[in-house]
Amino acid sequence: MTVPVNKTLVVVGGGAAGFFCAINAARLRPGLKVFLLEKTNKLLSKVRVSGGGRCNVTHACFDIRELSMRYPRGTHFVRKAFHRFFTENTIEWFAERDVQLKTESDGRMFPVTDNSQTIVECLLREASRYNIDIRLQTTVEALTITENNQFLLRTDKNSSLTADYVCIACGGYPRSSMFDWLRAIGHTIEEPVPSLFTFNVPNHPITALMGVSVPEARVRISGSKLEQTGPVLITHWGFSGPAVLRTSAWGARDLQKMNYHFTCQINWLGDKQEQLLREEFQQYRHERAAQKLVNKNPWQLPQRLWEFMLQQCEITPDTRWADLPAKAQNKLIKELVNSEFNVTGKTTFKEEFVTAGGIKLSEIDPQTMMSRKLPNLFFAGEIMDVDGITGGFNFQHAWTSGWIAANSIAADTDLS
């Protein structure tokens, strides 16, 4: 039986966090009128493109402390929030709606269909089931408080909505000025900077190897403590892949201060040290004396990359291991464990851009997602100063914060 409550929730943002808040609030509190406003003409855009169109829903990590360490900004905040809604809750929520998830070798979780449309359709069905009033191409330009302590939202269509509860879930803004309407209601903004981006090395000959991937390489930024190990992909503009993206996430603010001009060091052999490699070279010179270096490398590097390195070290295709000059050997060892590249600029990682920055976390209660400045104002998703590395972590934060906000609104005694 529907309970008439005559209360209204307006959710700003039609992404994962916004949908999760809207759906769960309406589900948990029958009779609550829920509006969802989206500034573009597309819903759930990031859900559609995530994971190459498969949707990386979450990550198969079931230890709260461990998972929270995957967030360069917001570690302590999400750790508290995850006690209320965590990975297993996400899996269960979708399973209850006939969406099964599978785990890949690197821990990423996708729908078994390998199609993001499965997640999109699930969320849209739920929105329809609970009569969410969705309004596209509607941008909120101002948020004020009325005399009777309701919220008044003014939109770009010269119209307005009043609400008893508001959840801001409109994602991260790339420019500081876009947060002005939230500053106007008293919130502090941590300045936005890009996160999860690739490194540009324009005009470097290695870009001719676009498409070549090394499964375990170490990426380090000279003059800093930034360092990550994992897959590296060579692209037509420079470097991408999980190791590069994670480095960009952890170094988002430091790299921005460098104006994205820095030296990137890559150890193509992962964590292998130079001294050990020198010993291996001596061994191979003896064991493979008559073999040509170009035919096969002992470290299973992609052949195109190996040939490129030999060429960079001026080692001819007919050079045998026994005949490798000491000078060329030293140069090759350096190329293998400490290739240096001058990075000049960045490129957004496809459409899966993430922004570091947003609402200052000390102004939000992680147990309720409610503003500490204004009662009944909530936040969910990337609008907060929380961002994770690639691998399903940003979506888990979206589900968690959206659910907590919805649960807090539904549990409000003023609705009774």
Protein backbone atom coordinates (compact mmCIF):
# COMPACT_ATOMS: atom_id res chain seq x y z
CA MET A 1 0.00 0.00 0.00
CA THR A 2 1.38 3.41 -1.00
CA VAL A 3 1.73 5.81 1.88
CA PRO A 4 0.99 9.44 0.92
CA VAL A 5 3.81 11.56 2.24
CA ASN A 6 3.60 14.64 0.03
CA LYS A 7 7.36 15.04 0.05
CA THR A 8 9.63 15.62 -2.93
CA LEU A 9 13.20 14.60 -3.74
CA VAL A 10 15.07 16.17 -6.64
CA VAL A 11 18.20 14.33 -7.81
CA VAL A 12 20.54 16.41 -9.96
CA GLY A 13 22.43 14.18 -12.39
CA GLY A 14 21.43 11.22 -14.55
CA GLY A 15 24.53 9.08 -14.04
CA ALA A 16 25.16 5.99 -11.93
CA ALA A 17 25.09 7.76 -8.55
CA GLY A 18 22.02 9.82 -9.40
CA PHE A 19 20.01 6.85 -10.65
CA PHE A 20 20.98 4.74 -7.66
CA CYS A 21 19.86 7.45 -5.27
CA ALA A 22 16.59 8.13 -7.09
CA ILE A 23 15.63 4.47 -7.52
CA ASN A 24 16.44 3.40 -3.98
CA ALA A 25 14.81 6.42 -2.34
CA ALA A 26 11.57 5.79 -4.23
CA ARG A 27 11.77 2.06 -3.52
CA LEU A 28 12.47 2.42 0.18
CA ARG A 29 9.87 5.15 0.74
CA PRO A 30 6.65 4.63 -1.26
CA GLY A 31 4.83 7.88 -1.86
CA LEU A 32 7.98 10.00 -2.08
CA LYS A 33 7.87 11.97 -5.33
CA VAL A 34 11.26 11.75 -7.07
CA PHE A 35 12.51 13.92 -9.92
CA LEU A 36 15.78 13.23 -11.75
CA LEU A 37 17.29 16.11 -13.74
CA GLU A 38 19.95 15.53 -16.41
CA LYS A 39 21.62 18.42 -18.21
CA THR A 40 22.34 16.47 -21.42
CA ASN A 41 20.03 14.46 -23.65
CA LYS A 42 21.64 11.17 -22.58
CA LEU A 43 21.24 9.13 -19.42
CA LEU A 44 23.94 6.96 -17.83
CA SER A 45 26.62 8.04 -20.32
CA LYS A 46 29.60 6.74 -18.35
CA VAL A 47 27.83 3.46 -17.62
CA ARG A 48 27.45 2.94 -21.37
CA VAL A 49 31.10 3.52 -22.27
CA SER A 50 32.81 2.05 -19.20
CA GLY A 51 35.05 -0.95 -19.76
CA GLY A 52 34.97 -0.62 -23.51
CA GLY A 53 31.17 -0.79 -23.55
CA ARG A 54 30.97 -3.69 -21.08
CA CYS A 55 30.56 -1.62 -17.87
CA ASN A 56 33.07 -2.32 -15.12
CA VAL A 57 30.41 -2.40 -12.37
CA THR A 58 32.71 -2.90 -9.38
CA HIS A 59 35.88 -4.67 -8.24
CA ALA A 60 36.03 -8.10 -6.60
CA CYS A 61 37.64 -6.89 -3.38
CA PHE A 62 35.79 -7.74 -0.17
CA ASP A 63 38.09 -6.11 2.35
CA ILE A 64 36.99 -2.57 3.17
CA ARG A 65 40.43 -1.34 4.15
CA GLU A 66 42.05 -2.79 1.04
CA LEU A 67 39.44 -1.41 -1.34
CA SER A 68 39.54 2.05 0.22
CA MET A 69 43.25 2.25 -0.59
CA ARG A 70 42.33 2.40 -4.30
CA TYR A 71 41.11 5.99 -3.91
CA PRO A 72 43.83 8.67 -4.27
CA ARG A 73 41.39 11.16 -2.79
CA GLY A 74 38.75 10.13 -0.24
CA THR A 75 40.39 7.03 1.26
CA HIS A 76 39.16 7.62 4.83
CA PHE A 77 35.77 8.90 3.68
CA VAL A 78 34.92 5.84 1.55
CA ARG A 79 36.23 3.50 4.24
CA LYS A 80 33.50 4.77 6.58
CA ALA A 81 30.86 4.69 3.84
CA PHE A 82 31.71 1.13 2.76
CA HIS A 83 30.57 -0.15 6.16
CA ARG A 84 27.04 0.73 5.05
CA PHE A 85 27.04 -0.45 1.42
CA PHE A 86 29.96 -2.44 0.00
CA THR A 87 30.98 -4.66 -2.90
CA GLU A 88 28.86 -7.64 -1.88
CA ASN A 89 25.84 -5.33 -1.53
CA THR A 90 26.33 -4.10 -5.10
CA ILE A 91 26.56 -7.67 -6.41
CA GLU A 92 23.45 -8.67 -4.45
CA TRP A 93 21.47 -5.59 -5.54
CA PHE A 94 21.97 -6.36 -9.21
CA ALA A 95 21.48 -10.12 -8.72
CA GLU A 96 18.06 -9.45 -7.14
CA ARG A 97 17.19 -7.77 -10.44
CA ASP A 98 18.43 -10.71 -12.54
CA VAL A 99 21.75 -9.10 -13.46
CA GLN A 100 24.60 -11.49 -12.74
CA LEU A 101 28.18 -10.24 -12.54
CA LYS A 102 31.39 -12.12 -13.36
CA THR A 103 34.95 -11.56 -12.16
CA GLU A 104 37.92 -11.29 -14.51
CA SER A 105 41.51 -12.24 -13.65
CA ASP A 106 42.44 -8.68 -12.66
CA GLY A 107 39.47 -8.36 -10.28
CA ARG A 108 37.22 -6.23 -12.47
CA MET A 109 33.58 -7.25 -12.45
CA PHE A 110 31.29 -7.05 -15.48
CA PRO A 111 27.79 -8.25 -16.31
CA VAL A 112 27.94 -11.80 -17.68
CA THR A 113 26.51 -10.41 -20.92
CA ASP A 114 29.67 -8.32 -21.43
CA ASN A 115 27.33 -5.50 -22.44
CA SER A 116 26.84 -2.24 -20.54
CA GLN A 117 23.31 -2.07 -21.92
CA THR A 118 22.40 -4.77 -19.39
CA ILE A 119 23.18 -2.36 -16.54
CA VAL A 120 21.56 0.59 -18.30
CA GLU A 121 18.34 -1.31 -18.93
CA CYS A 122 18.24 -2.57 -15.34
CA LEU A 123 18.47 0.97 -13.96
CA LEU A 124 15.94 2.34 -16.46
CA ARG A 125 13.47 -0.47 -15.60
CA GLU A 126 13.77 0.35 -11.92
CA ALA A 127 13.27 4.07 -12.62
CA SER A 128 10.12 3.27 -14.57
CA ARG A 129 8.88 0.85 -11.92
CA TYR A 130 9.08 3.51 -9.23
CA ASN A 131 7.75 6.32 -11.43
CA ILE A 132 10.85 8.50 -11.36
CA ASP A 133 10.10 11.73 -13.22
CA ILE A 134 13.14 12.08 -15.53
CA ARG A 135 13.77 15.43 -17.21
CA LEU A 136 16.50 15.64 -19.82
CA GLN A 137 18.35 18.74 -21.02
CA THR A 138 17.63 20.44 -17.73
CA THR A 139 20.52 22.24 -16.03
CA VAL A 140 20.25 23.51 -12.46
CA GLU A 141 21.65 27.05 -12.33
CA ALA A 142 20.83 28.02 -8.75
CA LEU A 143 19.79 26.41 -5.49
CA THR A 144 18.24 28.49 -2.72
CA ILE A 145 16.24 27.97 0.48
CA THR A 146 12.64 29.16 0.72
CA GLU A 147 11.00 30.74 3.76
CA ASN A 148 9.45 27.41 4.75
CA ASN A 149 12.85 25.65 4.54
CA GLN A 150 12.30 23.94 1.22
CA PHE A 151 14.77 23.96 -1.64
CA LEU A 152 14.11 26.01 -4.75
CA LEU A 153 15.97 24.83 -7.84
CA ARG A 154 16.09 27.25 -10.78
CA THR A 155 16.88 25.69 -14.14
CA ASP A 156 18.10 26.95 -17.49
CA LYS A 157 14.60 26.64 -18.90
CA ASN A 158 13.35 29.60 -16.85
CA SER A 159 11.49 27.17 -14.66
CA SER A 160 11.89 26.03 -11.09
CA LEU A 161 11.21 23.09 -8.81
CA THR A 162 10.69 22.99 -5.08
CA ALA A 163 11.92 20.04 -3.07
CA ASP A 164 12.11 18.82 0.49
CA TYR A 165 15.29 16.89 -0.29
CA VAL A 166 17.98 17.42 -2.90
CA CYS A 167 20.76 15.05 -3.90
CA ILE A 168 23.56 16.52 -6.03
CA ALA A 169 24.97 13.74 -8.20
CA CYS A 170 25.98 15.59 -11.35
CA GLY A 171 29.53 14.24 -11.59
CA GLY A 172 32.80 16.13 -11.53
CA TYR A 173 33.13 19.54 -13.13
CA PRO A 174 36.28 20.23 -15.18
CA ARG A 175 36.28 23.98 -14.40
CA SER A 176 36.21 25.62 -10.99
CA SER A 177 33.64 28.23 -12.05
CA MET A 178 31.08 25.46 -12.69
CA PHE A 179 30.89 24.90 -8.93
CA ASP A 180 29.79 28.50 -8.23
CA TRP A 181 26.14 27.56 -7.66
CA LEU A 182 27.32 25.21 -4.88
CA ARG A 183 29.70 27.77 -3.41
CA ALA A 184 26.71 30.11 -3.24
CA ILE A 185 25.03 27.83 -0.69
CA GLY A 186 28.11 27.77 1.52
CA HIS A 187 30.10 24.76 0.37
CA THR A 188 33.87 24.72 -0.10
CA ILE A 189 35.31 23.33 -3.34
CA GLU A 190 38.58 21.47 -3.69
CA GLU A 191 39.84 22.77 -7.05
CA PRO A 192 39.17 20.34 -9.91
CA VAL A 193 42.03 18.79 -11.86
CA PRO A 194 41.96 15.89 -14.37
CA SER A 195 42.61 12.35 -13.19
CA LEU A 196 42.92 9.10 -15.18
CA PHE A 197 44.65 10.48 -18.26
CA THR A 198 47.27 9.19 -20.67
CA PHE A 199 50.76 10.58 -21.31
CA ASN A 200 51.63 12.34 -24.57
CA VAL A 201 55.12 11.98 -26.07
CA PRO A 202 54.62 13.78 -29.40
CA ASN A 203 57.04 13.05 -32.24
CA HIS A 204 58.75 10.25 -30.34
CA PRO A 205 59.49 7.29 -32.66
CA ILE A 206 58.05 4.80 -30.15
CA THR A 207 54.54 5.95 -31.12
CA ALA A 208 55.02 3.99 -34.36
CA LEU A 209 54.48 0.90 -32.17
CA MET A 210 50.89 1.92 -31.33
CA GLY A 211 48.90 -1.07 -30.16
CA VAL A 212 51.86 -2.83 -28.54
CA SER A 213 51.21 -3.71 -24.90
CA VAL A 214 53.56 -4.87 -22.14
CA PRO A 215 51.71 -6.76 -19.36
CA GLU A 216 54.02 -5.85 -16.46
CA ALA A 217 56.01 -2.61 -16.65
CA ARG A 218 56.91 -0.05 -14.02
CA VAL A 219 56.10 3.61 -14.62
CA ARG A 220 57.90 6.26 -12.59
CA ILE A 221 57.83 10.06 -12.69
CA SER A 222 61.30 11.59 -12.32
CA GLY A 223 61.78 13.82 -9.30
CA SER A 224 58.75 12.42 -7.46
CA LYS A 225 57.60 9.37 -5.52
CA LEU A 226 54.98 8.54 -8.14
CA GLU A 227 55.38 4.96 -9.30
CA GLN A 228 53.00 2.23 -10.50
CA THR A 229 53.47 -1.26 -11.95
CA GLY A 230 51.12 -2.95 -14.40
CA PRO A 231 50.19 -3.13 -18.08
CA VAL A 232 51.44 -0.31 -20.35
CA LEU A 233 49.98 0.32 -23.79
CA ILE A 234 51.83 2.25 -26.48
CA THR A 235 49.47 4.52 -28.42
CA HIS A 236 49.80 6.82 -31.41
CA TRP A 237 50.15 9.75 -28.99
CA GLY A 238 52.19 8.16 -26.20
CA PHE A 239 51.38 5.82 -23.32
CA SER A 240 48.20 4.45 -21.77
CA GLY A 241 47.20 1.31 -19.89
CA PRO A 242 46.48 0.69 -16.18
CA ALA A 243 49.98 1.56 -14.90
CA VAL A 244 49.90 4.95 -16.64
CA LEU A 245 46.30 5.70 -15.64
CA ARG A 246 46.97 4.82 -12.00
CA THR A 247 50.07 7.03 -12.02
CA SER A 248 47.98 9.90 -13.38
CA ALA A 249 45.35 9.37 -10.68
CA TRP A 250 47.79 9.35 -7.77
CA GLY A 251 49.72 12.25 -9.29
CA ALA A 252 46.74 14.29 -10.49
CA ARG A 253 47.62 17.43 -8.54
CA ASP A 254 51.41 17.11 -8.77
CA LEU A 255 51.32 16.59 -12.54
CA GLN A 256 48.95 19.52 -12.96
CA LYS A 257 51.45 21.73 -11.10
CA MET A 258 54.09 20.55 -13.61
CA ASN A 259 51.74 21.69 -16.39
CA TYR A 260 51.94 18.10 -17.66
CA HIS A 261 55.59 18.50 -18.65
CA PHE A 262 57.72 15.86 -16.94
CA THR A 263 60.05 12.92 -17.51
CA CYS A 264 58.49 9.46 -17.42
CA GLN A 265 60.78 6.49 -16.73
CA ILE A 266 59.61 3.04 -17.80
CA ASN A 267 61.09 -0.26 -16.71
CA TRP A 268 59.77 -2.59 -19.40
CA LEU A 269 60.72 -5.59 -17.25
CA GLY A 270 58.61 -4.55 -14.26
CA ASP A 271 60.61 -4.57 -11.03
CA LYS A 272 63.76 -6.20 -12.42
CA GLN A 273 66.87 -4.41 -11.17
CA GLU A 274 69.75 -3.35 -13.40
CA GLN A 275 72.35 -5.45 -11.60
CA LEU A 276 70.33 -8.65 -12.00
CA LEU A 277 69.78 -7.83 -15.67
CA ARG A 278 73.53 -7.41 -16.20
CA GLU A 279 74.09 -10.88 -14.73
CA GLU A 280 71.41 -12.30 -17.05
CA PHE A 281 73.10 -10.67 -20.04
CA GLN A 282 76.36 -12.39 -19.18
CA GLN A 283 74.53 -15.69 -18.91
CA TYR A 284 72.80 -15.27 -22.27
CA ARG A 285 76.03 -14.23 -23.99
CA HIS A 286 77.38 -17.62 -22.97
CA GLU A 287 74.28 -19.78 -23.49
CA ARG A 288 73.13 -18.15 -26.74
CA ALA A 289 76.49 -17.11 -28.14
CA ALA A 290 75.77 -18.01 -31.75
CA GLN A 291 72.15 -16.80 -31.76
CA LYS A 292 71.09 -13.42 -33.09
CA LEU A 293 69.57 -11.05 -30.56
CA VAL A 294 66.79 -10.03 -32.90
CA ASN A 295 65.33 -13.52 -33.26
CA LYS A 296 64.03 -13.86 -29.72
CA ASN A 297 64.35 -11.99 -26.44
CA PRO A 298 64.53 -13.88 -23.13
CA TRP A 299 62.01 -11.59 -21.36
CA GLN A 300 58.99 -12.24 -23.61
CA LEU A 301 58.71 -8.61 -24.63
CA PRO A 302 56.59 -7.95 -27.72
CA GLN A 303 58.79 -8.55 -30.77
CA ARG A 304 58.09 -5.12 -32.26
CA LEU A 305 59.21 -3.41 -29.05
CA TRP A 306 62.34 -5.58 -28.84
CA GLU A 307 63.31 -4.77 -32.42
CA PHE A 308 62.68 -1.08 -31.74
CA MET A 309 65.01 -1.15 -28.74
CA LEU A 310 67.75 -2.87 -30.71
CA GLN A 311 67.41 -0.24 -33.40
CA GLN A 312 67.54 2.59 -30.81
CA CYS A 313 70.76 1.06 -29.45
CA GLU A 314 72.21 0.75 -32.98
CA ILE A 315 72.36 -3.04 -32.72
CA THR A 316 72.10 -4.52 -36.20
CA PRO A 317 69.77 -7.45 -36.97
CA ASP A 318 72.69 -9.83 -37.58
CA THR A 319 74.40 -9.15 -34.22
CA ARG A 320 74.93 -12.33 -32.22
CA TRP A 321 74.89 -12.47 -28.40
CA ALA A 322 78.60 -13.29 -28.30
CA ASP A 323 79.42 -10.28 -30.49
CA LEU A 324 77.36 -7.68 -28.61
CA PRO A 325 79.68 -4.71 -27.90
CA ALA A 326 79.88 -3.61 -24.26
CA LYS A 327 78.74 -0.07 -25.11
CA ALA A 328 75.66 -1.34 -26.96
CA GLN A 329 74.91 -3.78 -24.16
CA ASN A 330 74.99 -1.01 -21.55
CA LYS A 331 72.67 1.12 -23.66
CA LEU A 332 70.26 -1.78 -24.18
CA ILE A 333 70.17 -2.55 -20.46
CA LYS A 334 69.29 1.07 -19.76
CA GLU A 335 66.55 0.98 -22.41
CA LEU A 336 65.07 -2.12 -20.82
CA VAL A 337 64.98 -0.97 -17.20
CA ASN A 338 65.03 2.82 -17.46
CA SER A 339 63.69 4.19 -20.74
CA GLU A 340 63.14 7.93 -20.39
CA PHE A 341 60.46 9.90 -22.21
CA ASN A 342 59.71 13.61 -22.11
CA VAL A 343 55.97 13.91 -21.58
CA THR A 344 54.40 17.08 -22.91
CA GLY A 345 50.67 17.02 -22.34
CA LYS A 346 47.91 14.56 -21.57
CA THR A 347 44.95 12.98 -23.28
CA THR A 348 41.61 12.13 -21.66
CA PHE A 349 41.13 8.38 -21.36
CA LYS A 350 38.37 7.85 -23.93
CA GLU A 351 35.07 9.08 -22.47
CA GLU A 352 35.82 7.64 -19.04
CA PHE A 353 37.23 10.91 -17.75
CA VAL A 354 37.44 11.43 -14.01
CA THR A 355 37.99 14.67 -12.16
CA ALA A 356 39.84 15.02 -8.87
CA GLY A 357 38.30 17.72 -6.69
CA GLY A 358 34.79 18.71 -5.71
CA ILE A 359 32.86 19.26 -2.49
CA LYS A 360 35.22 19.25 0.48
CA LEU A 361 34.73 15.96 2.31
CA SER A 362 34.81 17.45 5.80
CA GLU A 363 31.53 19.16 4.88
CA ILE A 364 29.74 15.84 4.19
CA ASP A 365 28.72 13.12 6.67
CA PRO A 366 29.94 9.78 5.23
CA GLN A 367 27.29 7.90 7.25
CA THR A 368 24.41 9.74 5.55
CA MET A 369 25.95 11.65 2.59
CA MET A 370 24.15 14.72 3.96
CA SER A 371 25.71 18.16 3.90
CA ARG A 372 27.00 19.38 7.23
CA LYS A 373 26.08 22.88 6.04
CA LEU A 374 22.45 22.41 4.96
CA PRO A 375 20.02 19.82 6.33
CA ASN A 376 18.36 17.59 3.70
CA LEU A 377 20.98 18.38 1.06
CA PHE A 378 22.84 15.25 -0.02
CA PHE A 379 25.72 14.38 -2.33
CA ALA A 380 26.54 11.25 -4.32
CA GLY A 381 29.30 10.25 -6.72
CA GLU A 382 32.06 12.27 -8.26
CA ILE A 383 30.75 15.71 -7.27
CA MET A 384 32.54 15.02 -3.99
CA ASP A 385 36.33 15.13 -3.69
CA VAL A 386 36.55 11.35 -4.12
CA ASP A 387 38.07 9.56 -7.08
CA GLY A 388 39.39 6.06 -7.60
CA ILE A 389 41.86 4.46 -9.95
CA THR A 390 40.65 2.52 -12.97
CA GLY A 391 39.09 -0.88 -12.29
CA GLY A 392 35.49 -0.35 -11.14
CA PHE A 393 36.31 1.72 -8.05
CA ASN A 394 34.57 4.92 -9.16
CA PHE A 395 31.37 3.02 -9.86
CA GLN A 396 31.50 1.35 -6.44
CA HIS A 397 31.72 4.81 -4.87
CA ALA A 398 28.74 5.86 -7.00
CA TRP A 399 26.60 2.91 -5.88
CA THR A 400 27.65 3.30 -2.24
CA SER A 401 27.07 7.04 -1.96
CA GLY A 402 23.84 6.89 -3.96
CA TRP A 403 22.44 4.13 -1.78
CA ILE A 404 23.45 5.80 1.48
CA ALA A 405 21.87 9.10 0.43
CA ALA A 406 18.66 7.30 -0.59
CA ASN A 407 18.56 5.30 2.63
CA SER A 408 19.09 8.45 4.71
CA ILE A 409 16.28 10.28 2.93
CA ALA A 410 13.91 7.32 3.22
CA ALA A 411 14.68 6.96 6.93
CA ASP A 412 13.95 10.62 7.71
CA THR A 413 11.28 10.74 10.41
CA ASP A 414 9.80 13.83 8.76
CA LEU A 415 8.53 11.54 6.02
CA SER A 416 6.40 9.56 8.44
